[in-house]
N, C-alpha and C. Protein backbone atom coordinates (compact mmCIF):
# COMPACT_ATOMS: atom_id res chain seq x y z
N MET A 1 -83.60 -79.64 -243.50
CA MET A 1 -83.33 -78.62 -242.56
C MET A 1 -84.30 -78.68 -241.26
N LEU A 2 -85.63 -79.14 -241.51
CA LEU A 2 -86.49 -79.40 -240.47
C LEU A 2 -86.58 -80.63 -239.93
N GLU A 3 -85.47 -81.47 -240.22
CA GLU A 3 -85.62 -82.81 -239.68
C GLU A 3 -85.68 -83.04 -238.17
N TRP A 4 -85.20 -81.93 -237.52
CA TRP A 4 -85.18 -81.97 -235.95
C TRP A 4 -86.57 -81.94 -235.41
N LEU A 5 -87.68 -81.59 -236.34
CA LEU A 5 -88.86 -81.66 -235.75
C LEU A 5 -89.45 -83.06 -235.58
N ASP A 6 -88.89 -83.87 -236.47
CA ASP A 6 -89.48 -85.12 -236.29
C ASP A 6 -88.99 -85.93 -235.15
N THR A 7 -87.75 -85.55 -234.74
CA THR A 7 -86.96 -86.28 -233.57
C THR A 7 -87.20 -85.54 -232.31
N ALA A 8 -87.51 -84.33 -232.32
CA ALA A 8 -87.71 -83.47 -231.11
C ALA A 8 -88.73 -84.04 -230.29
N PRO A 9 -88.77 -83.79 -228.90
CA PRO A 9 -90.02 -84.15 -228.14
C PRO A 9 -90.92 -83.01 -228.15
N LEU A 10 -92.31 -83.51 -228.17
CA LEU A 10 -93.43 -82.60 -228.29
C LEU A 10 -93.29 -81.44 -227.25
N TYR A 11 -93.04 -81.69 -226.10
CA TYR A 11 -93.07 -80.59 -224.98
C TYR A 11 -91.94 -79.60 -225.31
N ALA A 12 -90.66 -80.05 -225.98
CA ALA A 12 -89.58 -79.02 -226.29
C ALA A 12 -90.12 -78.00 -227.38
N ILE A 13 -90.85 -78.68 -228.29
CA ILE A 13 -91.50 -77.86 -229.45
C ILE A 13 -92.47 -76.78 -228.87
N GLY A 14 -93.27 -77.42 -227.92
CA GLY A 14 -94.25 -76.57 -227.24
C GLY A 14 -93.62 -75.43 -226.48
N LEU A 15 -92.65 -75.71 -225.79
CA LEU A 15 -91.91 -74.68 -224.88
C LEU A 15 -91.27 -73.69 -225.84
N ILE A 16 -90.60 -74.17 -226.94
CA ILE A 16 -90.09 -73.27 -227.78
C ILE A 16 -90.99 -72.18 -228.38
N LEU A 17 -92.14 -72.70 -228.76
CA LEU A 17 -93.15 -71.93 -229.55
C LEU A 17 -93.84 -70.91 -228.41
N LEU A 18 -93.94 -71.51 -227.04
CA LEU A 18 -94.59 -70.51 -226.13
C LEU A 18 -93.52 -69.41 -225.73
N ALA A 19 -92.25 -69.73 -225.79
CA ALA A 19 -91.26 -68.53 -225.57
C ALA A 19 -91.12 -67.74 -226.76
N LEU A 20 -91.33 -68.12 -227.86
CA LEU A 20 -91.31 -67.17 -229.13
C LEU A 20 -92.66 -66.34 -229.03
N MET A 21 -93.69 -66.92 -228.60
CA MET A 21 -94.89 -66.16 -228.65
C MET A 21 -94.96 -65.00 -227.63
N LEU A 22 -94.32 -65.38 -226.46
CA LEU A 22 -94.22 -64.45 -225.29
C LEU A 22 -93.25 -63.31 -225.50
N SER A 23 -92.24 -63.66 -226.16
CA SER A 23 -91.24 -62.73 -226.56
C SER A 23 -91.72 -61.80 -227.57
N THR A 24 -92.45 -62.27 -228.49
CA THR A 24 -92.93 -61.33 -229.51
C THR A 24 -94.15 -60.52 -229.06
N ALA A 25 -94.87 -61.01 -228.08
CA ALA A 25 -95.86 -60.21 -227.36
C ALA A 25 -95.22 -59.13 -226.62
N ALA A 26 -94.18 -59.51 -225.97
CA ALA A 26 -93.57 -58.39 -224.93
C ALA A 26 -92.91 -57.47 -225.89
N CYS A 27 -92.45 -57.64 -227.07
CA CYS A 27 -91.69 -56.74 -227.94
C CYS A 27 -92.81 -55.90 -228.66
N GLY A 28 -94.18 -56.44 -229.09
CA GLY A 28 -95.07 -55.66 -229.40
C GLY A 28 -95.63 -54.63 -228.50
N PHE A 29 -95.74 -55.20 -227.18
CA PHE A 29 -96.23 -54.26 -226.10
C PHE A 29 -95.24 -53.10 -225.76
N ARG A 30 -93.95 -53.33 -225.86
CA ARG A 30 -93.10 -52.19 -225.67
C ARG A 30 -93.04 -51.19 -226.72
N LEU A 31 -93.08 -51.82 -228.02
CA LEU A 31 -93.14 -50.96 -229.21
C LEU A 31 -94.48 -50.14 -229.10
N ARG A 32 -95.60 -50.73 -228.82
CA ARG A 32 -96.90 -49.89 -228.69
C ARG A 32 -96.72 -48.85 -227.57
N ARG A 33 -96.13 -49.11 -226.48
CA ARG A 33 -96.12 -48.01 -225.56
C ARG A 33 -95.10 -47.01 -225.99
N ARG A 34 -94.01 -47.19 -226.55
CA ARG A 34 -93.18 -46.27 -227.11
C ARG A 34 -93.83 -45.33 -228.16
N LEU A 35 -94.59 -45.89 -228.85
CA LEU A 35 -95.26 -45.24 -229.95
C LEU A 35 -96.43 -44.37 -229.25
N GLU A 36 -97.12 -44.77 -228.29
CA GLU A 36 -98.14 -43.99 -227.53
C GLU A 36 -97.33 -42.71 -226.91
N LEU A 37 -96.26 -43.05 -226.20
CA LEU A 37 -95.50 -41.85 -225.60
C LEU A 37 -95.08 -40.87 -226.52
N GLU A 38 -94.47 -41.42 -227.58
CA GLU A 38 -93.97 -40.50 -228.62
C GLU A 38 -95.06 -39.57 -229.34
N SER A 39 -96.08 -40.24 -229.46
CA SER A 39 -97.30 -39.46 -230.13
C SER A 39 -97.95 -38.69 -229.12
N SER A 40 -98.07 -38.95 -227.83
CA SER A 40 -98.80 -38.18 -226.91
C SER A 40 -97.99 -36.88 -226.55
N THR A 41 -96.62 -37.12 -226.80
CA THR A 41 -95.68 -35.58 -226.52
C THR A 41 -95.76 -34.63 -227.68
N ASP A 42 -96.08 -35.43 -228.91
CA ASP A 42 -96.11 -34.59 -230.13
C ASP A 42 -97.43 -33.86 -230.09
N THR A 43 -98.46 -34.47 -229.68
CA THR A 43 -99.94 -33.68 -229.74
C THR A 43 -100.09 -33.04 -228.21
N GLY A 44 -99.21 -32.92 -227.46
CA GLY A 44 -99.61 -32.09 -226.39
C GLY A 44 -100.32 -32.94 -225.19
N GLY A 45 -99.98 -34.41 -225.08
CA GLY A 45 -100.70 -35.11 -224.38
C GLY A 45 -102.05 -35.63 -224.61
N LYS A 46 -102.49 -35.31 -225.63
CA LYS A 46 -104.01 -35.75 -226.14
C LYS A 46 -103.59 -36.90 -227.24
N TRP A 47 -103.58 -38.03 -226.75
CA TRP A 47 -103.48 -39.22 -227.56
C TRP A 47 -104.67 -39.85 -227.95
N HIS A 48 -105.15 -39.82 -229.11
CA HIS A 48 -106.40 -40.50 -229.35
C HIS A 48 -106.19 -42.10 -229.69
N HIS A 49 -107.20 -42.84 -229.42
CA HIS A 49 -106.95 -44.35 -229.62
C HIS A 49 -107.82 -44.62 -230.95
N ASP A 50 -107.07 -45.16 -231.83
CA ASP A 50 -107.60 -45.61 -233.21
C ASP A 50 -107.63 -47.10 -233.14
N TYR A 51 -108.87 -47.71 -233.03
CA TYR A 51 -109.01 -49.18 -233.10
C TYR A 51 -109.06 -49.90 -234.28
N ASP A 52 -109.12 -49.13 -235.55
CA ASP A 52 -109.22 -49.75 -236.61
C ASP A 52 -108.19 -50.80 -237.01
N GLY A 53 -107.01 -50.57 -236.50
CA GLY A 53 -105.92 -51.41 -236.84
C GLY A 53 -106.10 -52.89 -236.20
N TYR A 54 -106.73 -52.79 -234.90
CA TYR A 54 -107.01 -53.91 -234.12
C TYR A 54 -108.16 -54.79 -235.03
N VAL A 55 -109.20 -54.22 -235.42
CA VAL A 55 -110.12 -54.85 -236.15
C VAL A 55 -109.69 -55.44 -237.36
N ILE A 56 -108.89 -54.66 -238.15
CA ILE A 56 -108.16 -55.16 -239.44
C ILE A 56 -107.34 -56.31 -239.12
N SER A 57 -106.58 -56.27 -238.09
CA SER A 57 -105.52 -57.36 -237.76
C SER A 57 -106.37 -58.50 -237.35
N ALA A 58 -107.55 -58.44 -236.76
CA ALA A 58 -108.32 -59.66 -236.21
C ALA A 58 -108.95 -60.31 -237.55
N VAL A 59 -109.51 -59.36 -238.40
CA VAL A 59 -110.15 -59.97 -239.48
C VAL A 59 -109.11 -60.74 -240.32
N LEU A 60 -107.90 -60.34 -240.61
CA LEU A 60 -107.00 -60.76 -241.26
C LEU A 60 -106.29 -62.03 -240.62
N GLY A 61 -106.30 -62.01 -239.29
CA GLY A 61 -106.06 -63.22 -238.60
C GLY A 61 -106.92 -64.51 -238.87
N LEU A 62 -108.30 -64.13 -238.80
CA LEU A 62 -109.22 -65.08 -238.97
C LEU A 62 -109.23 -65.73 -240.41
N LEU A 63 -109.14 -64.64 -241.39
CA LEU A 63 -108.92 -65.01 -242.80
C LEU A 63 -107.91 -66.12 -243.05
N THR A 64 -106.57 -65.87 -242.35
CA THR A 64 -105.41 -66.59 -242.55
C THR A 64 -105.73 -67.95 -242.02
N LEU A 65 -106.42 -68.07 -240.77
CA LEU A 65 -106.80 -69.38 -240.05
C LEU A 65 -107.62 -70.19 -240.98
N LEU A 66 -108.75 -69.57 -241.56
CA LEU A 66 -109.68 -70.12 -242.47
C LEU A 66 -108.98 -70.73 -243.54
N LEU A 67 -108.10 -69.88 -244.20
CA LEU A 67 -107.21 -70.32 -245.40
C LEU A 67 -106.35 -71.57 -245.14
N SER A 68 -105.72 -71.61 -244.07
CA SER A 68 -104.84 -72.59 -243.46
C SER A 68 -105.67 -73.87 -243.47
N PHE A 69 -106.80 -73.74 -242.78
CA PHE A 69 -107.49 -74.90 -242.51
C PHE A 69 -107.99 -75.48 -243.93
N THR A 70 -108.36 -74.69 -244.85
CA THR A 70 -108.91 -75.02 -246.10
C THR A 70 -107.96 -75.81 -246.88
N PHE A 71 -106.64 -75.15 -246.86
CA PHE A 71 -105.38 -75.93 -247.59
C PHE A 71 -105.14 -77.37 -247.01
N SER A 72 -105.23 -77.30 -245.55
CA SER A 72 -104.83 -78.43 -244.88
C SER A 72 -105.81 -79.67 -245.31
N LEU A 73 -107.07 -79.36 -245.31
CA LEU A 73 -108.13 -80.20 -245.74
C LEU A 73 -107.99 -80.67 -247.24
N ALA A 74 -107.62 -79.67 -247.90
CA ALA A 74 -107.49 -80.12 -249.45
C ALA A 74 -106.29 -80.77 -249.59
N ILE A 75 -105.22 -80.75 -248.93
CA ILE A 75 -104.01 -81.45 -249.04
C ILE A 75 -104.39 -83.06 -248.59
N GLY A 76 -105.24 -83.16 -247.48
CA GLY A 76 -105.42 -84.38 -246.86
C GLY A 76 -106.23 -85.09 -247.91
N ARG A 77 -106.91 -84.70 -248.85
CA ARG A 77 -107.76 -85.41 -249.78
C ARG A 77 -106.77 -85.81 -250.96
């Protein structure tokens, strides 16, 4: 199923990944804006920022990166 990755040029794979990352970032930005607007109308315009979710996401992202490098090195041996 993934044989095309072996034959596809590297720049094409890079462009596909870049387009996917930009589109998901745009979708996340729009979803966040919509959630901010909905919650600000519910609370009378007083929307508080809760940054705990960002910290947890960053820590889990770093943990995932560390785990993936660990498995990559283990498979290489």
